[in-house]
C-alpha atoms as a PDB file:
ATOM      1  CA  MET A   1     333.196 240.222  11.422  1.00  0.00           C
ATOM      2  CA  TYR A   2     336.328 238.200  12.085  1.00  0.00           C
ATOM      3  CA  ILE A   3     334.336 234.951  12.158  1.00  0.00           C
ATOM      4  CA  LEU A   4     332.439 235.817   8.979  1.00  0.00           C
ATOM      5  CA  HIS A   5     335.527 236.453   6.882  1.00  0.00           C
ATOM      6  CA  GLN A   6     336.561 232.789   7.092  1.00  0.00           C
ATOM      7  CA  GLY A   7     333.612 231.705   4.955  1.00  0.00           C
ATOM      8  CA  GLY A   8     333.989 234.778   2.786  1.00  0.00           C
ATOM      9  CA  ILE A   9     337.522 233.710   1.891  1.00  0.00           C
ATOM     10  CA  VAL A  10     337.324 229.914   1.815  1.00  0.00           C
ATOM     11  CA  PHE A  11     334.116 229.433  -0.169  1.00  0.00           C
ATOM     12  CA  PRO A  12     334.868 231.825  -3.074  1.00  0.00           C
ATOM     13  CA  GLY A  13     338.553 230.894  -2.870  1.00  0.00           C
ATOM     14  CA  TRP A  14     337.763 227.266  -3.596  1.00  0.00           C
ATOM     15  CA  PHE A  15     336.149 228.302  -6.874  1.00  0.00           C
ATOM     16  CA  LEU A  16     338.756 230.923  -7.767  1.00  0.00           C
ATOM     17  CA  ILE A  17     341.626 228.443  -7.314  1.00  0.00           C
ATOM     18  CA  GLN A  18     340.205 226.413 -10.182  1.00  0.00           C
ATOM     19  CA  LEU A  19     340.294 229.340 -12.617  1.00  0.00           C
ATOM     20  CA  ASP A  20     342.943 229.222 -15.304  1.00  0.00           C
ATOM     21  CA  ALA A  21     344.270 232.690 -14.498  1.00  0.00           C
ATOM     22  CA  PRO A  22     347.497 234.038 -13.040  1.00  0.00           C
ATOM     23  CA  ILE A  23     347.722 234.805  -9.332  1.00  0.00           C
ATOM     24  CA  ILE A  24     347.862 238.523 -10.138  1.00  0.00           C
ATOM     25  CA  VAL A  25     344.227 238.207 -11.290  1.00  0.00           C
ATOM     26  CA  LYS A  26     343.008 235.712  -8.689  1.00  0.00           C
ATOM     27  CA  TYR A  27     344.239 237.607  -5.638  1.00  0.00           C
ATOM     28  CA  PRO A  28     342.420 240.922  -6.252  1.00  0.00           C
ATOM     29  CA  LEU A  29     339.320 239.006  -7.312  1.00  0.00           C
ATOM     30  CA  LEU A  30     339.389 237.001  -4.076  1.00  0.00           C
ATOM     31  CA  LEU A  31     340.032 240.133  -2.026  1.00  0.00           C
ATOM     32  CA  ILE A  32     337.080 242.014  -3.531  1.00  0.00           C
ATOM     33  CA  THR A  33     334.794 238.982  -3.293  1.00  0.00           C
ATOM     34  CA  ALA A  34     335.750 238.200   0.326  1.00  0.00           C
ATOM     35  CA  VAL A  35     335.241 241.775   1.534  1.00  0.00           C
ATOM     36  CA  THR A  36     331.915 242.067  -0.297  1.00  0.00           C
ATOM     37  CA  VAL A  37     330.562 238.736   1.002  1.00  0.00           C
ATOM     38  CA  THR A  38     331.693 239.485   4.564  1.00  0.00           C
ATOM     39  CA  VAL A  39     330.220 242.989   4.713  1.00  0.00           C
ATOM     40  CA  LEU A  40     326.926 241.979   3.071  1.00  0.00           C
ATOM     41  CA  THR A  41     326.534 238.972   5.377  1.00  0.00           C
ATOM     42  CA  TYR A  42     327.160 241.154   8.408  1.00  0.00           C
ATOM     43  CA  HIS A  43     324.839 243.926   7.270  1.00  0.00           C
ATOM     44  CA  PHE A  44     321.881 241.851   6.046  1.00  0.00           C
ATOM     45  CA  ILE A  45     322.052 238.708   8.224  1.00  0.00           C
ATOM     46  CA  VAL A  46     323.859 239.403  11.517  1.00  0.00           C
ATOM     47  CA  ARG A  47     322.840 242.993  12.335  1.00  0.00           C
ATOM     48  CA  PRO A  48     319.039 242.645  11.970  1.00  0.00           C
ATOM     49  CA  LEU A  49     318.634 239.368  13.919  1.00  0.00           C
ATOM     50  CA  ASN A  50     318.867 239.555  17.708  1.00  0.00           C
ATOM     51  CA  PRO A  51     319.940 235.899  18.214  1.00  0.00           C
ATOM     52  CA  LEU A  52     322.861 236.383  15.822  1.00  0.00           C
ATOM     53  CA  ARG A  53     323.683 239.753  17.398  1.00  0.00           C
ATOM     54  CA  PHE A  54     324.012 237.922  20.730  1.00  0.00           C
ATOM     55  CA  LEU A  55     326.280 235.260  19.218  1.00  0.00           C
ATOM     56  CA  PHE A  56     328.506 237.959  17.771  1.00  0.00           C
ATOM     57  CA  GLY A  57     328.714 239.841  21.080  1.00  0.00           C
ATOM     58  CA  MET A  58     326.454 242.723  20.139  1.00  0.00           C
ATOM     59  CA  LYS A  59     323.697 244.335  22.166  1.00  0.00           C
ATOM     60  CA  PRO A  60     320.159 243.407  21.108  1.00  0.00           C
ATOM     61  CA  ARG A  61     318.273 245.856  18.946  1.00  0.00           C
ATOM     62  CA  LYS A  62     315.504 247.670  20.706  1.00  0.00           C
ATOM     63  CA  LEU A  63     312.182 247.485  18.968  1.00  0.00           C
ATOM     64  CA  LYS A  64     310.761 250.805  17.923  1.00  0.00           C
ATOM     65  CA  PRO A  65     307.292 251.517  19.314  1.00  0.00           C
ATOM     66  CA  ALA A  66     304.478 251.485  16.799  1.00  0.00           C
ATOM     67  CA  PRO A  67     303.634 254.946  15.524  1.00  0.00           C
ATOM     68  CA  GLN A  68     300.557 256.537  17.056  1.00  0.00           C
ATOM     69  CA  LEU A  69     297.900 257.579  14.599  1.00  0.00           C
ATOM     70  CA  ILE A  70     296.833 261.138  15.257  1.00  0.00           C
ATOM     71  CA  PRO A  71     293.765 262.402  13.432  1.00  0.00           C
ATOM     72  CA  ALA A  72     294.497 265.244  11.084  1.00  0.00           C
ATOM     73  CA  ALA A  73     293.270 268.681  12.118  1.00  0.00           C
ATOM     74  CA  GLY A  74     290.534 269.904   9.867  1.00  0.00           C
ATOM     75  CA  PRO A  75     286.949 271.086   9.824  1.00  0.00           C
ATOM     76  CA  ASP A  76     284.565 269.202  12.070  1.00  0.00           C
ATOM     77  CA  ILE A  77     282.165 267.409   9.714  1.00  0.00           C
ATOM     78  CA  SER A  78     280.649 265.066  12.289  1.00  0.00           C
ATOM     79  CA  LYS A  79     277.534 267.245  12.795  1.00  0.00           C
END
């Protein structure tokens, strides 16, 4: 997540710098925005995709086998 936080700080920070607000407002806003963007990017983009998992030093996800369809037990109506 270290690599992801760079974009999570710089991109929103560029917009927040331009706000006409005191630093006491900008800093917490940037902190909340950066953490949210970083965690959401990691959770929804990096974790599910094996190529990105590899680039971030993670083990590939193992694919779950398809569920086997088992016929339900019930009365035999094939006669």
